[in-house]
Amino acid sequence: MLGAAGGVGLTAVEIGKQLGATVIAAAGGADKLKVAKEHGADHTIDYTHESIRDRVREITGERGADVVYDPVGGDAFDQALRAVNWEARMLVIGFASGRIPAVPANIILVKNISVIGVVYGAQAVREPALAKQWLIELTQWWQAGKLKPVIGATFPLEKAGDALTALLSRKYPGKIVLTCD
């Protein structure tokens, strides 16, 4: 899980655990990785100090990851692509790093990798019954305490600019929330 301490990444860590995966959480900094560990990550990688590729290889006994969940893109995607197993799946969620990676076709071919775009909004429009089923299951997990959303910081609506600055700083784990009092 790249970006494993963000709101989307933390949820992915928890969902991965619900589905029985061994979760390797990658994020920037010890504080963020601590939060990912608290939400079920089995292993952590601080990509500000460690190579994603090298650590995944070490953790998996040189086998590589079977699935990569990537809301980050950029350098993290490039490293993760080189850390996957035969027939791995790269789930492209977004580009929080600001750089949209170019996927080298030779690596996809040599490892028989699938690169899959995941856009929930478009999927929900095209297949509303499936989206409803997913939401029901996620809501049940949340109600059972299996999903625990993290609020990294809260701002009153009149401080929306500060909230955006906080969001862009990427220093808070979880979600940034605006409140209307």
N, C-alpha and C. Protein backbone atom coordinates (compact mmCIF):
# COMPACT_ATOMS: atom_id res chain seq x y z
N MET A 1 0.85 -1.16 0.00
CA MET A 1 0.00 0.00 0.00
C MET A 1 0.90 1.23 0.00
N LEU A 2 0.88 1.96 -1.10
CA LEU A 2 1.60 3.21 -1.13
C LEU A 2 0.70 4.29 -0.53
N GLY A 3 1.29 5.33 0.04
CA GLY A 3 0.49 6.37 0.68
C GLY A 3 -0.35 5.81 1.80
N ALA A 4 0.20 4.86 2.54
CA ALA A 4 -0.56 4.07 3.50
C ALA A 4 -1.02 4.83 4.74
N ALA A 5 -0.62 6.08 4.91
CA ALA A 5 -1.06 6.83 6.08
C ALA A 5 -2.09 7.89 5.74
N GLY A 6 -2.42 8.05 4.47
CA GLY A 6 -3.48 8.97 4.09
C GLY A 6 -4.84 8.34 4.35
N GLY A 7 -5.89 9.12 4.21
CA GLY A 7 -7.23 8.61 4.46
C GLY A 7 -7.57 7.42 3.57
N VAL A 8 -7.24 7.51 2.30
CA VAL A 8 -7.51 6.42 1.36
C VAL A 8 -6.58 5.24 1.64
N GLY A 9 -5.31 5.54 1.90
CA GLY A 9 -4.32 4.49 2.15
C GLY A 9 -4.61 3.70 3.42
N LEU A 10 -4.99 4.41 4.49
CA LEU A 10 -5.30 3.71 5.75
C LEU A 10 -6.50 2.79 5.58
N THR A 11 -7.49 3.26 4.84
CA THR A 11 -8.65 2.41 4.58
C THR A 11 -8.24 1.20 3.77
N ALA A 12 -7.35 1.39 2.80
CA ALA A 12 -6.86 0.26 2.00
C ALA A 12 -6.10 -0.74 2.86
N VAL A 13 -5.32 -0.26 3.83
CA VAL A 13 -4.63 -1.16 4.75
C VAL A 13 -5.66 -2.02 5.48
N GLU A 14 -6.69 -1.38 6.01
CA GLU A 14 -7.71 -2.12 6.77
C GLU A 14 -8.49 -3.09 5.88
N ILE A 15 -8.82 -2.67 4.67
CA ILE A 15 -9.54 -3.56 3.75
C ILE A 15 -8.66 -4.74 3.36
N GLY A 16 -7.37 -4.46 3.10
CA GLY A 16 -6.45 -5.55 2.79
C GLY A 16 -6.42 -6.60 3.89
N LYS A 17 -6.39 -6.14 5.15
CA LYS A 17 -6.40 -7.08 6.27
C LYS A 17 -7.71 -7.86 6.32
N GLN A 18 -8.84 -7.19 6.06
CA GLN A 18 -10.13 -7.87 6.05
C GLN A 18 -10.18 -8.97 4.99
N LEU A 19 -9.45 -8.76 3.90
CA LEU A 19 -9.44 -9.73 2.80
C LEU A 19 -8.35 -10.79 2.98
N GLY A 20 -7.61 -10.72 4.09
CA GLY A 20 -6.61 -11.75 4.38
C GLY A 20 -5.23 -11.49 3.82
N ALA A 21 -4.95 -10.28 3.36
CA ALA A 21 -3.65 -9.98 2.78
C ALA A 21 -2.60 -9.73 3.85
N THR A 22 -1.36 -10.01 3.51
CA THR A 22 -0.22 -9.53 4.28
C THR A 22 0.04 -8.14 3.73
N VAL A 23 -0.09 -7.12 4.57
CA VAL A 23 -0.03 -5.74 4.10
C VAL A 23 1.34 -5.12 4.39
N ILE A 24 1.95 -4.61 3.32
CA ILE A 24 3.19 -3.85 3.43
C ILE A 24 2.80 -2.39 3.19
N ALA A 25 2.94 -1.57 4.22
CA ALA A 25 2.53 -0.17 4.15
C ALA A 25 3.74 0.71 3.90
N ALA A 26 3.65 1.54 2.86
CA ALA A 26 4.72 2.49 2.55
C ALA A 26 4.19 3.90 2.73
N ALA A 27 4.95 4.70 3.48
CA ALA A 27 4.57 6.10 3.73
C ALA A 27 5.84 6.87 4.09
N GLY A 28 5.70 8.17 4.19
CA GLY A 28 6.85 9.03 4.47
C GLY A 28 6.95 9.42 5.93
N GLY A 29 7.74 8.71 6.71
CA GLY A 29 8.00 9.09 8.08
C GLY A 29 7.50 8.08 9.10
N ALA A 30 8.22 8.03 10.22
CA ALA A 30 7.93 7.07 11.29
C ALA A 30 6.54 7.29 11.90
N ASP A 31 6.12 8.55 12.06
CA ASP A 31 4.80 8.82 12.65
C ASP A 31 3.68 8.26 11.78
N LYS A 32 3.80 8.45 10.49
CA LYS A 32 2.78 7.93 9.57
C LYS A 32 2.78 6.41 9.57
N LEU A 33 3.96 5.82 9.60
CA LEU A 33 4.03 4.36 9.58
C LEU A 33 3.48 3.76 10.88
N LYS A 34 3.64 4.47 11.97
CA LYS A 34 3.07 4.01 13.25
C LYS A 34 1.54 3.92 13.13
N VAL A 35 0.93 4.92 12.51
CA VAL A 35 -0.53 4.90 12.31
C VAL A 35 -0.92 3.73 11.41
N ALA A 36 -0.18 3.51 10.33
CA ALA A 36 -0.48 2.38 9.44
C ALA A 36 -0.37 1.05 10.18
N LYS A 37 0.62 0.93 11.02
CA LYS A 37 0.81 -0.30 11.82
C LYS A 37 -0.38 -0.49 12.77
N GLU A 38 -0.83 0.61 13.39
CA GLU A 38 -1.98 0.55 14.29
C GLU A 38 -3.26 0.13 13.56
N HIS A 39 -3.29 0.33 12.26
CA HIS A 39 -4.48 -0.03 11.47
C HIS A 39 -4.32 -1.38 10.76
N GLY A 40 -3.27 -2.12 11.12
CA GLY A 40 -3.16 -3.49 10.65
C GLY A 40 -2.00 -3.83 9.74
N ALA A 41 -1.18 -2.86 9.35
CA ALA A 41 -0.06 -3.18 8.47
C ALA A 41 0.86 -4.20 9.13
N ASP A 42 1.28 -5.18 8.36
CA ASP A 42 2.18 -6.21 8.86
C ASP A 42 3.64 -5.76 8.80
N HIS A 43 3.96 -4.99 7.78
CA HIS A 43 5.32 -4.49 7.56
C HIS A 43 5.22 -3.03 7.12
N THR A 44 6.28 -2.27 7.35
CA THR A 44 6.27 -0.86 6.94
C THR A 44 7.55 -0.51 6.20
N ILE A 45 7.41 0.49 5.31
CA ILE A 45 8.54 1.02 4.56
C ILE A 45 8.45 2.54 4.61
N ASP A 46 9.50 3.17 5.11
CA ASP A 46 9.59 4.63 5.10
C ASP A 46 10.27 5.04 3.80
N TYR A 47 9.48 5.44 2.82
CA TYR A 47 10.09 5.70 1.51
C TYR A 47 10.85 7.02 1.44
N THR A 48 10.97 7.72 2.57
CA THR A 48 11.87 8.87 2.58
C THR A 48 13.30 8.42 2.90
N HIS A 49 13.45 7.19 3.44
CA HIS A 49 14.76 6.69 3.82
C HIS A 49 15.09 5.31 3.25
N GLU A 50 14.07 4.60 2.71
CA GLU A 50 14.28 3.24 2.25
C GLU A 50 13.80 3.09 0.81
N SER A 51 14.39 2.14 0.12
CA SER A 51 13.95 1.79 -1.23
C SER A 51 12.74 0.87 -1.14
N ILE A 52 11.65 1.27 -1.77
CA ILE A 52 10.45 0.43 -1.79
C ILE A 52 10.80 -0.91 -2.42
N ARG A 53 11.47 -0.86 -3.55
CA ARG A 53 11.82 -2.09 -4.27
C ARG A 53 12.64 -3.03 -3.38
N ASP A 54 13.69 -2.52 -2.77
CA ASP A 54 14.58 -3.37 -1.97
C ASP A 54 13.87 -3.94 -0.74
N ARG A 55 13.08 -3.11 -0.04
CA ARG A 55 12.39 -3.58 1.17
C ARG A 55 11.31 -4.61 0.83
N VAL A 56 10.55 -4.39 -0.26
CA VAL A 56 9.53 -5.37 -0.63
C VAL A 56 10.19 -6.70 -0.96
N ARG A 57 11.29 -6.65 -1.69
CA ARG A 57 12.02 -7.88 -2.02
C ARG A 57 12.50 -8.58 -0.74
N GLU A 58 13.01 -7.80 0.20
CA GLU A 58 13.48 -8.36 1.47
C GLU A 58 12.33 -9.01 2.24
N ILE A 59 11.22 -8.29 2.36
CA ILE A 59 10.06 -8.77 3.12
C ILE A 59 9.46 -10.03 2.51
N THR A 60 9.43 -10.10 1.18
CA THR A 60 8.78 -11.22 0.48
C THR A 60 9.74 -12.34 0.11
N GLY A 61 10.97 -12.29 0.59
CA GLY A 61 11.94 -13.32 0.25
C GLY A 61 12.27 -13.32 -1.23
N GLU A 62 12.40 -12.12 -1.81
CA GLU A 62 12.74 -11.89 -3.22
C GLU A 62 11.59 -12.16 -4.19
N ARG A 63 10.45 -12.62 -3.70
CA ARG A 63 9.31 -12.94 -4.57
C ARG A 63 8.68 -11.70 -5.17
N GLY A 64 8.47 -10.68 -4.36
CA GLY A 64 7.80 -9.46 -4.81
C GLY A 64 6.35 -9.41 -4.39
N ALA A 65 5.75 -8.25 -4.54
CA ALA A 65 4.35 -8.04 -4.16
C ALA A 65 3.40 -8.58 -5.22
N ASP A 66 2.27 -9.10 -4.78
CA ASP A 66 1.26 -9.60 -5.71
C ASP A 66 0.31 -8.49 -6.16
N VAL A 67 0.05 -7.54 -5.28
CA VAL A 67 -0.84 -6.42 -5.57
C VAL A 67 -0.20 -5.15 -5.02
N VAL A 68 -0.25 -4.07 -5.81
CA VAL A 68 0.21 -2.76 -5.34
C VAL A 68 -0.97 -1.80 -5.45
N TYR A 69 -1.30 -1.16 -4.35
CA TYR A 69 -2.36 -0.15 -4.28
C TYR A 69 -1.66 1.19 -4.29
N ASP A 70 -1.91 2.01 -5.33
CA ASP A 70 -1.12 3.24 -5.49
C ASP A 70 -1.95 4.50 -5.71
N PRO A 71 -2.16 5.27 -4.64
CA PRO A 71 -2.76 6.59 -4.79
C PRO A 71 -1.71 7.70 -4.95
N VAL A 72 -0.43 7.32 -5.03
CA VAL A 72 0.68 8.27 -5.00
C VAL A 72 1.25 8.59 -6.37
N GLY A 73 1.54 7.57 -7.17
CA GLY A 73 2.20 7.77 -8.47
C GLY A 73 3.66 8.16 -8.29
N GLY A 74 4.21 8.83 -9.30
CA GLY A 74 5.58 9.34 -9.22
C GLY A 74 6.62 8.28 -8.95
N ASP A 75 7.63 8.67 -8.16
CA ASP A 75 8.76 7.78 -7.86
C ASP A 75 8.31 6.53 -7.11
N ALA A 76 7.31 6.66 -6.25
CA ALA A 76 6.82 5.50 -5.49
C ALA A 76 6.29 4.43 -6.45
N PHE A 77 5.53 4.85 -7.47
CA PHE A 77 5.03 3.91 -8.47
C PHE A 77 6.19 3.24 -9.20
N ASP A 78 7.17 4.03 -9.61
CA ASP A 78 8.32 3.49 -10.35
C ASP A 78 9.02 2.41 -9.55
N GLN A 79 9.24 2.67 -8.25
CA GLN A 79 9.91 1.68 -7.41
C GLN A 79 9.03 0.44 -7.18
N ALA A 80 7.75 0.67 -6.94
CA ALA A 80 6.85 -0.45 -6.68
C ALA A 80 6.71 -1.35 -7.90
N LEU A 81 6.71 -0.77 -9.08
CA LEU A 81 6.62 -1.55 -10.32
C LEU A 81 7.78 -2.54 -10.41
N ARG A 82 8.92 -2.15 -9.89
CA ARG A 82 10.10 -3.01 -9.94
C ARG A 82 10.18 -3.95 -8.74
N ALA A 83 9.14 -3.94 -7.92
CA ALA A 83 9.12 -4.77 -6.71
C ALA A 83 7.99 -5.79 -6.74
N VAL A 84 7.47 -6.07 -7.92
CA VAL A 84 6.30 -6.95 -7.99
C VAL A 84 6.67 -8.36 -8.45
N ASN A 85 5.80 -9.26 -8.11
CA ASN A 85 5.90 -10.67 -8.45
C ASN A 85 5.36 -10.91 -9.87
N TRP A 86 5.58 -12.07 -10.40
CA TRP A 86 5.01 -12.51 -11.66
C TRP A 86 3.49 -12.40 -11.58
N GLU A 87 2.87 -11.84 -12.59
CA GLU A 87 1.41 -11.66 -12.70
C GLU A 87 0.83 -10.77 -11.60
N ALA A 88 1.60 -9.83 -11.13
CA ALA A 88 1.11 -8.88 -10.12
C ALA A 88 0.07 -7.95 -10.74
N ARG A 89 -0.68 -7.30 -9.86
CA ARG A 89 -1.64 -6.28 -10.28
C ARG A 89 -1.27 -4.95 -9.64
N MET A 90 -1.14 -3.94 -10.48
CA MET A 90 -0.87 -2.56 -10.02
C MET A 90 -2.19 -1.82 -10.09
N LEU A 91 -2.73 -1.43 -8.95
CA LEU A 91 -3.99 -0.69 -8.89
C LEU A 91 -3.68 0.80 -8.81
N VAL A 92 -3.96 1.51 -9.87
CA VAL A 92 -3.66 2.94 -9.95
C VAL A 92 -4.89 3.70 -9.45
N ILE A 93 -4.72 4.41 -8.31
CA ILE A 93 -5.82 5.12 -7.67
C ILE A 93 -5.72 6.62 -7.92
N GLY A 94 -4.50 7.15 -7.94
CA GLY A 94 -4.32 8.59 -8.11
C GLY A 94 -2.86 8.97 -8.16
N PHE A 95 -2.62 10.28 -8.09
CA PHE A 95 -1.27 10.81 -8.28
C PHE A 95 -0.97 11.91 -7.26
N ALA A 96 -1.05 11.56 -5.98
CA ALA A 96 -0.82 12.54 -4.91
C ALA A 96 0.57 13.16 -4.98
N SER A 97 1.52 12.46 -5.57
CA SER A 97 2.88 12.99 -5.68
C SER A 97 2.95 14.15 -6.67
N GLY A 98 1.95 14.24 -7.53
CA GLY A 98 1.95 15.28 -8.54
C GLY A 98 2.52 14.84 -9.88
N ARG A 99 3.13 13.66 -9.92
CA ARG A 99 3.68 13.17 -11.19
C ARG A 99 2.97 11.90 -11.63
N ILE A 100 2.45 11.94 -12.84
CA ILE A 100 1.80 10.78 -13.43
C ILE A 100 2.91 9.93 -14.06
N PRO A 101 3.09 8.71 -13.58
CA PRO A 101 4.19 7.89 -14.11
C PRO A 101 3.88 7.35 -15.50
N ALA A 102 4.95 7.15 -16.28
CA ALA A 102 4.86 6.45 -17.55
C ALA A 102 5.21 5.00 -17.26
N VAL A 103 4.38 4.08 -17.70
CA VAL A 103 4.58 2.67 -17.39
C VAL A 103 5.37 2.02 -18.52
N PRO A 104 6.59 1.53 -18.23
CA PRO A 104 7.38 0.87 -19.27
C PRO A 104 6.76 -0.46 -19.68
N ALA A 105 6.39 -0.58 -20.93
CA ALA A 105 5.72 -1.78 -21.43
C ALA A 105 6.58 -3.03 -21.30
N ASN A 106 7.91 -2.87 -21.36
CA ASN A 106 8.77 -4.05 -21.25
C ASN A 106 8.64 -4.72 -19.88
N ILE A 107 8.51 -3.93 -18.81
CA ILE A 107 8.36 -4.52 -17.48
C ILE A 107 7.01 -5.23 -17.36
N ILE A 108 5.99 -4.62 -17.92
CA ILE A 108 4.65 -5.24 -17.91
C ILE A 108 4.71 -6.58 -18.64
N LEU A 109 5.37 -6.61 -19.77
CA LEU A 109 5.46 -7.83 -20.57
C LEU A 109 6.28 -8.91 -19.86
N VAL A 110 7.47 -8.56 -19.41
CA VAL A 110 8.39 -9.55 -18.82
C VAL A 110 7.80 -10.21 -17.58
N LYS A 111 7.04 -9.45 -16.78
CA LYS A 111 6.46 -10.01 -15.55
C LYS A 111 4.97 -10.33 -15.69
N ASN A 112 4.41 -10.10 -16.87
CA ASN A 112 2.99 -10.38 -17.11
C ASN A 112 2.11 -9.63 -16.11
N ILE A 113 2.42 -8.35 -15.91
CA ILE A 113 1.75 -7.51 -14.92
C ILE A 113 0.49 -6.89 -15.51
N SER A 114 -0.53 -6.74 -14.69
CA SER A 114 -1.73 -6.00 -15.07
C SER A 114 -1.71 -4.65 -14.35
N VAL A 115 -1.86 -3.57 -15.10
CA VAL A 115 -1.97 -2.23 -14.53
C VAL A 115 -3.43 -1.83 -14.69
N ILE A 116 -4.10 -1.60 -13.57
CA ILE A 116 -5.55 -1.40 -13.56
C ILE A 116 -5.89 -0.04 -12.96
N GLY A 117 -6.62 0.77 -13.71
CA GLY A 117 -7.11 2.03 -13.18
C GLY A 117 -8.34 1.78 -12.33
N VAL A 118 -8.39 2.42 -11.16
CA VAL A 118 -9.51 2.24 -10.24
C VAL A 118 -10.12 3.62 -9.98
N VAL A 119 -11.29 3.87 -10.57
CA VAL A 119 -11.99 5.14 -10.42
C VAL A 119 -13.39 4.82 -9.89
N TYR A 120 -13.55 4.93 -8.58
CA TYR A 120 -14.81 4.53 -7.96
C TYR A 120 -16.00 5.31 -8.53
N GLY A 121 -15.88 6.62 -8.67
CA GLY A 121 -17.01 7.42 -9.14
C GLY A 121 -17.54 6.96 -10.49
N ALA A 122 -16.64 6.75 -11.43
CA ALA A 122 -17.05 6.29 -12.77
C ALA A 122 -17.63 4.87 -12.69
N GLN A 123 -17.03 4.03 -11.86
CA GLN A 123 -17.53 2.67 -11.69
C GLN A 123 -18.95 2.68 -11.12
N ALA A 124 -19.18 3.57 -10.16
CA ALA A 124 -20.50 3.66 -9.53
C ALA A 124 -21.56 4.11 -10.52
N VAL A 125 -21.20 5.00 -11.43
CA VAL A 125 -22.15 5.45 -12.46
C VAL A 125 -22.46 4.32 -13.43
N ARG A 126 -21.44 3.58 -13.81
CA ARG A 126 -21.61 2.51 -14.80
C ARG A 126 -22.25 1.25 -14.21
N GLU A 127 -21.97 0.97 -12.93
CA GLU A 127 -22.49 -0.23 -12.29
C GLU A 127 -23.01 0.10 -10.89
N PRO A 128 -24.13 0.82 -10.81
CA PRO A 128 -24.63 1.27 -9.51
C PRO A 128 -24.96 0.12 -8.55
N ALA A 129 -25.44 -1.00 -9.05
CA ALA A 129 -25.76 -2.12 -8.15
C ALA A 129 -24.50 -2.66 -7.48
N LEU A 130 -23.42 -2.74 -8.23
CA LEU A 130 -22.16 -3.21 -7.67
C LEU A 130 -21.62 -2.21 -6.65
N ALA A 131 -21.69 -0.92 -6.97
CA ALA A 131 -21.24 0.12 -6.04
C ALA A 131 -22.05 0.08 -4.75
N LYS A 132 -23.35 -0.13 -4.87
CA LYS A 132 -24.20 -0.24 -3.69
C LYS A 132 -23.79 -1.43 -2.83
N GLN A 133 -23.51 -2.55 -3.46
CA GLN A 133 -23.07 -3.75 -2.75
C GLN A 133 -21.76 -3.47 -1.99
N TRP A 134 -20.82 -2.79 -2.65
CA TRP A 134 -19.55 -2.46 -1.99
C TRP A 134 -19.77 -1.55 -0.79
N LEU A 135 -20.62 -0.53 -0.96
CA LEU A 135 -20.88 0.40 0.14
C LEU A 135 -21.55 -0.29 1.32
N ILE A 136 -22.45 -1.20 1.04
CA ILE A 136 -23.10 -1.96 2.11
C ILE A 136 -22.06 -2.75 2.89
N GLU A 137 -21.16 -3.43 2.17
CA GLU A 137 -20.13 -4.22 2.84
C GLU A 137 -19.17 -3.34 3.64
N LEU A 138 -18.75 -2.23 3.07
CA LEU A 138 -17.86 -1.31 3.79
C LEU A 138 -18.54 -0.74 5.03
N THR A 139 -19.82 -0.39 4.90
CA THR A 139 -20.57 0.14 6.04
C THR A 139 -20.69 -0.91 7.14
N GLN A 140 -20.91 -2.15 6.77
CA GLN A 140 -20.98 -3.23 7.77
C GLN A 140 -19.64 -3.39 8.49
N TRP A 141 -18.54 -3.32 7.74
CA TRP A 141 -17.22 -3.42 8.36
C TRP A 141 -16.98 -2.25 9.31
N TRP A 142 -17.40 -1.06 8.88
CA TRP A 142 -17.24 0.13 9.74
C TRP A 142 -18.06 -0.03 11.02
N GLN A 143 -19.32 -0.46 10.87
CA GLN A 143 -20.19 -0.64 12.04
C GLN A 143 -19.64 -1.70 12.99
N ALA A 144 -18.95 -2.69 12.44
CA ALA A 144 -18.36 -3.76 13.26
C ALA A 144 -17.01 -3.34 13.85
N GLY A 145 -16.57 -2.13 13.54
CA GLY A 145 -15.29 -1.65 14.07
C GLY A 145 -14.08 -2.16 13.32
N LYS A 146 -14.28 -2.72 12.12
CA LYS A 146 -13.17 -3.25 11.34
C LYS A 146 -12.51 -2.18 10.47
N LEU A 147 -13.21 -1.08 10.25
CA LEU A 147 -12.67 0.08 9.55
C LEU A 147 -12.76 1.26 10.51
N LYS A 148 -11.63 1.92 10.73
CA LYS A 148 -11.59 3.01 11.71
C LYS A 148 -10.99 4.25 11.05
N PRO A 149 -11.82 5.07 10.41
CA PRO A 149 -11.31 6.28 9.75
C PRO A 149 -10.54 7.17 10.73
N VAL A 150 -9.47 7.75 10.25
CA VAL A 150 -8.62 8.62 11.06
C VAL A 150 -8.83 10.07 10.62
N ILE A 151 -9.08 10.94 11.58
CA ILE A 151 -9.15 12.37 11.31
C ILE A 151 -7.84 12.97 11.79
N GLY A 152 -7.02 13.42 10.84
CA GLY A 152 -5.71 13.96 11.16
C GLY A 152 -5.77 15.36 11.73
N ALA A 153 -6.74 16.15 11.27
CA ALA A 153 -6.91 17.53 11.75
C ALA A 153 -8.31 18.00 11.39
N THR A 154 -8.84 18.90 12.22
CA THR A 154 -10.17 19.47 12.00
C THR A 154 -10.05 20.99 11.99
N PHE A 155 -10.76 21.61 11.03
CA PHE A 155 -10.74 23.07 10.90
C PHE A 155 -12.17 23.57 10.76
N PRO A 156 -12.48 24.75 11.34
CA PRO A 156 -13.79 25.35 11.08
C PRO A 156 -13.84 25.82 9.62
N LEU A 157 -15.03 25.90 9.07
CA LEU A 157 -15.21 26.25 7.67
C LEU A 157 -14.50 27.55 7.30
N GLU A 158 -14.52 28.53 8.19
CA GLU A 158 -13.87 29.82 7.88
C GLU A 158 -12.35 29.69 7.75
N LYS A 159 -11.80 28.54 8.14
CA LYS A 159 -10.35 28.28 8.01
C LYS A 159 -10.10 27.26 6.89
N ALA A 160 -10.96 27.27 5.88
CA ALA A 160 -10.83 26.31 4.76
C ALA A 160 -9.47 26.43 4.08
N GLY A 161 -8.94 27.64 3.97
CA GLY A 161 -7.62 27.83 3.38
C GLY A 161 -6.54 27.12 4.18
N ASP A 162 -6.63 27.21 5.50
CA ASP A 162 -5.67 26.51 6.36
C ASP A 162 -5.82 24.99 6.21
N ALA A 163 -7.06 24.55 6.05
CA ALA A 163 -7.30 23.11 5.86
C ALA A 163 -6.65 22.63 4.56
N LEU A 164 -6.79 23.41 3.49
CA LEU A 164 -6.15 23.03 2.23
C LEU A 164 -4.63 23.03 2.35
N THR A 165 -4.09 23.99 3.06
CA THR A 165 -2.64 24.02 3.29
C THR A 165 -2.21 22.77 4.06
N ALA A 166 -2.98 22.41 5.07
CA ALA A 166 -2.69 21.20 5.85
C ALA A 166 -2.75 19.95 4.98
N LEU A 167 -3.76 19.89 4.12
CA LEU A 167 -3.90 18.75 3.21
C LEU A 167 -2.70 18.65 2.29
N LEU A 168 -2.32 19.77 1.70
CA LEU A 168 -1.19 19.78 0.76
C LEU A 168 0.14 19.50 1.46
N SER A 169 0.24 19.80 2.74
CA SER A 169 1.49 19.56 3.48
C SER A 169 1.78 18.07 3.63
N ARG A 170 0.74 17.25 3.58
CA ARG A 170 0.84 15.79 3.72
C ARG A 170 1.47 15.38 5.05
N LYS A 171 1.39 16.26 6.06
CA LYS A 171 1.99 15.90 7.35
C LYS A 171 1.01 15.21 8.29
N TYR A 172 -0.27 15.26 7.97
CA TYR A 172 -1.27 14.64 8.84
C TYR A 172 -1.69 13.28 8.30
N PRO A 173 -1.77 12.28 9.16
CA PRO A 173 -2.33 11.00 8.70
C PRO A 173 -3.85 11.13 8.57
N GLY A 174 -4.45 10.28 7.79
CA GLY A 174 -5.91 10.27 7.67
C GLY A 174 -6.45 11.45 6.89
N LYS A 175 -7.65 11.86 7.25
CA LYS A 175 -8.38 12.89 6.54
C LYS A 175 -8.31 14.24 7.26
N ILE A 176 -8.42 15.30 6.49
CA ILE A 176 -8.58 16.66 7.01
C ILE A 176 -10.08 16.96 6.94
N VAL A 177 -10.66 17.44 8.02
CA VAL A 177 -12.10 17.65 8.09
C VAL A 177 -12.41 19.11 8.34
N LEU A 178 -13.43 19.61 7.59
CA LEU A 178 -13.98 20.95 7.82
C LEU A 178 -15.27 20.80 8.61
N THR A 179 -15.49 21.68 9.59
CA THR A 179 -16.72 21.64 10.37
C THR A 179 -17.51 22.92 10.21
N CYS A 180 -18.81 22.80 10.30
CA CYS A 180 -19.72 23.96 10.28
C CYS A 180 -20.36 24.01 11.66
N ASP A 181 -20.04 25.05 12.42
CA ASP A 181 -20.63 25.16 13.77
C ASP A 181 -21.85 26.02 13.77
